[in-house]
C-alpha atoms as a PDB file:
ATOM      1  CA  MET A   1     -30.002 -14.960 -41.194  1.00  0.00           C
ATOM      2  CA  LYS A   2     -29.742 -11.148 -41.341  1.00  0.00           C
ATOM      3  CA  LEU A   3     -31.885 -11.177 -38.098  1.00  0.00           C
ATOM      4  CA  SER A   4     -29.686 -13.733 -36.260  1.00  0.00           C
ATOM      5  CA  ARG A   5     -26.460 -11.699 -36.998  1.00  0.00           C
ATOM      6  CA  LEU A   6     -28.345  -8.450 -35.797  1.00  0.00           C
ATOM      7  CA  LEU A   7     -29.281 -10.562 -32.680  1.00  0.00           C
ATOM      8  CA  LEU A   8     -25.827 -11.882 -31.947  1.00  0.00           C
ATOM      9  CA  GLY A   9     -24.319  -8.473 -32.541  1.00  0.00           C
ATOM     10  CA  THR A  10     -26.850  -6.616 -30.118  1.00  0.00           C
ATOM     11  CA  VAL A  11     -26.740  -9.222 -27.363  1.00  0.00           C
ATOM     12  CA  ALA A  12     -22.358  -8.897 -27.712  1.00  0.00           C
ATOM     13  CA  LEU A  13     -22.694  -4.920 -27.877  1.00  0.00           C
ATOM     14  CA  THR A  14     -25.174  -5.572 -24.495  1.00  0.00           C
ATOM     15  CA  LEU A  15     -22.899  -7.785 -22.849  1.00  0.00           C
ATOM     16  CA  MET A  16     -19.340  -5.636 -23.790  1.00  0.00           C
ATOM     17  CA  ILE A  17     -21.334  -2.483 -21.645  1.00  0.00           C
ATOM     18  CA  GLY A  18     -22.776  -4.315 -19.208  1.00  0.00           C
ATOM     19  CA  GLY A  19     -19.253  -5.897 -18.288  1.00  0.00           C
ATOM     20  CA  TRP A  20     -17.308  -2.620 -18.697  1.00  0.00           C
ATOM     21  CA  ALA A  21     -20.225  -1.089 -16.347  1.00  0.00           C
ATOM     22  CA  VAL A  22     -19.671  -3.798 -13.690  1.00  0.00           C
ATOM     23  CA  GLY A  23     -15.817  -3.308 -13.717  1.00  0.00           C
ATOM     24  CA  ARG A  24     -15.765   0.390 -13.474  1.00  0.00           C
ATOM     25  CA  ALA A  25     -18.242  -0.224 -10.598  1.00  0.00           C
ATOM     26  CA  GLN A  26     -15.567  -2.358  -8.797  1.00  0.00           C
ATOM     27  CA  SER A  27     -12.980   0.260  -8.856  1.00  0.00           C
ATOM     28  CA  SER A  28     -12.078   1.638  -5.191  1.00  0.00           C
ATOM     29  CA  ALA A  29     -10.935   5.243  -4.389  1.00  0.00           C
ATOM     30  CA  PRO A  30      -7.569   5.706  -3.111  1.00  0.00           C
ATOM     31  CA  ASP A  31      -6.923   4.772   0.434  1.00  0.00           C
ATOM     32  CA  PHE A  32      -5.213   8.577   1.213  1.00  0.00           C
ATOM     33  CA  GLU A  33      -4.022  11.775  -0.830  1.00  0.00           C
ATOM     34  CA  LEU A  34      -0.629  13.164  -0.434  1.00  0.00           C
ATOM     35  CA  VAL A  35       0.168  16.863  -1.676  1.00  0.00           C
ATOM     36  CA  VAL A  36       3.840  18.022  -2.160  1.00  0.00           C
ATOM     37  CA  SER A  37       4.748  21.433  -3.123  1.00  0.00           C
ATOM     38  CA  THR A  38       8.615  22.982  -3.456  1.00  0.00           C
ATOM     39  CA  THR A  39       9.479  26.524  -3.033  1.00  0.00           C
ATOM     40  CA  VAL A  40      12.803  27.804  -3.829  1.00  0.00           C
ATOM     41  CA  LEU A  41      13.282  31.266  -1.578  1.00  0.00           C
ATOM     42  CA  GLU A  42      15.028  34.267  -1.914  1.00  0.00           C
ATOM     43  CA  ASP A  43      18.011  33.195  -0.247  1.00  0.00           C
ATOM     44  CA  GLY A  44      18.019  29.932  -2.719  1.00  0.00           C
ATOM     45  CA  SER A  45      17.108  27.464  -0.237  1.00  0.00           C
ATOM     46  CA  ILE A  46      14.345  25.048  -1.297  1.00  0.00           C
ATOM     47  CA  GLU A  47      11.553  24.419   1.258  1.00  0.00           C
ATOM     48  CA  THR A  48       9.343  21.043   0.296  1.00  0.00           C
ATOM     49  CA  ALA A  49       5.934  20.679   2.147  1.00  0.00           C
ATOM     50  CA  VAL A  50       4.171  17.350   2.186  1.00  0.00           C
ATOM     51  CA  ASP A  51       0.729  17.173   3.549  1.00  0.00           C
ATOM     52  CA  CYS A  52      -1.561  14.313   3.893  1.00  0.00           C
ATOM     53  CA  ALA A  53      -4.855  15.799   2.741  1.00  0.00           C
ATOM     54  CA  ARG A  54      -6.849  12.775   3.519  1.00  0.00           C
ATOM     55  CA  GLY A  55      -5.844   9.106   5.450  1.00  0.00           C
ATOM     56  CA  CYS A  56      -2.594   9.231   6.433  1.00  0.00           C
ATOM     57  CA  LYS A  57       0.172  10.183   8.592  1.00  0.00           C
ATOM     58  CA  LEU A  58       3.921  11.412   7.986  1.00  0.00           C
ATOM     59  CA  ALA A  59       7.053  10.878   9.952  1.00  0.00           C
ATOM     60  CA  TRP A  60      11.053  11.505   9.560  1.00  0.00           C
ATOM     61  CA  VAL A  61      12.591   8.140   8.828  1.00  0.00           C
ATOM     62  CA  GLN A  62      15.879   8.942   7.284  1.00  0.00           C
ATOM     63  CA  ARG A  63      18.018   7.219   9.843  1.00  0.00           C
ATOM     64  CA  GLY A  64      14.978   4.723  10.883  1.00  0.00           C
ATOM     65  CA  ILE A  65      11.764   4.864  12.455  1.00  0.00           C
ATOM     66  CA  ASN A  66      12.091   6.477  15.649  1.00  0.00           C
ATOM     67  CA  PRO A  67       9.485   4.466  18.313  1.00  0.00           C
ATOM     68  CA  ARG A  68       8.962   8.234  20.222  1.00  0.00           C
ATOM     69  CA  ALA A  69       7.935  10.148  17.328  1.00  0.00           C
ATOM     70  CA  THR A  70       4.497  10.908  16.681  1.00  0.00           C
ATOM     71  CA  PRO A  71       3.054  11.318  12.938  1.00  0.00           C
ATOM     72  CA  ILE A  72       1.725  14.399  11.727  1.00  0.00           C
ATOM     73  CA  PRO A  73      -0.205  15.304   8.752  1.00  0.00           C
ATOM     74  CA  HIS A  74       2.312  17.834   7.385  1.00  0.00           C
ATOM     75  CA  PHE A  75       5.795  17.687   7.071  1.00  0.00           C
ATOM     76  CA  ASP A  76       8.493  20.379   5.990  1.00  0.00           C
ATOM     77  CA  PHE A  77      11.787  19.596   4.684  1.00  0.00           C
ATOM     78  CA  HIS A  78      14.021  22.289   3.982  1.00  0.00           C
ATOM     79  CA  CYS A  79      17.997  22.651   1.981  1.00  0.00           C
ATOM     80  CA  LYS A  80      20.077  25.538   2.592  1.00  0.00           C
ATOM     81  CA  GLY A  81      22.940  26.644   1.108  1.00  0.00           C
ATOM     82  CA  SER A  82      23.231  24.088  -1.875  1.00  0.00           C
ATOM     83  CA  ASN A  83      21.861  23.654  -5.409  1.00  0.00           C
ATOM     84  CA  ASN A  84      21.088  20.283  -5.242  1.00  0.00           C
ATOM     85  CA  CYS A  85      19.196  18.908  -2.218  1.00  0.00           C
ATOM     86  CA  PRO A  86      19.969  15.407  -0.638  1.00  0.00           C
ATOM     87  CA  SER A  87      16.898  13.538  -0.394  1.00  0.00           C
ATOM     88  CA  GLY A  88      15.076  12.848   2.683  1.00  0.00           C
ATOM     89  CA  ALA A  89      12.893   9.920   3.598  1.00  0.00           C
ATOM     90  CA  ILE A  90       9.594  10.301   4.825  1.00  0.00           C
ATOM     91  CA  GLY A  91       7.414   7.515   6.313  1.00  0.00           C
ATOM     92  CA  GLY A  92       3.678   6.979   5.896  1.00  0.00           C
ATOM     93  CA  TRP A  93       1.056   5.619   7.833  1.00  0.00           C
ATOM     94  CA  ILE A  94      -2.480   4.720   6.768  1.00  0.00           C
ATOM     95  CA  GLU A  95      -5.023   5.996   9.180  1.00  0.00           C
ATOM     96  CA  LYS A  96      -8.067   3.741   9.716  1.00  0.00           C
END
């Protein structure tokens, strides 16, 4: 009786560990990586840099997508003369 419970417990634990290992192996890496940095300059203006570290391109899309704009991997956004910066819209495309 004790041997069958021990065997059942061992099988259950083995299945749990096996299921965790299979599930962990199926997780995927992200398709892209963004790096965002913000700096307050001496004159009080704010500079924000958005870099596509891997797998994407960026473009300014605040007023809609410009069909002539070329997506780039680095984007700068400046806010001058205000304590509050309005938000900006940056579009991103995944590179394949």
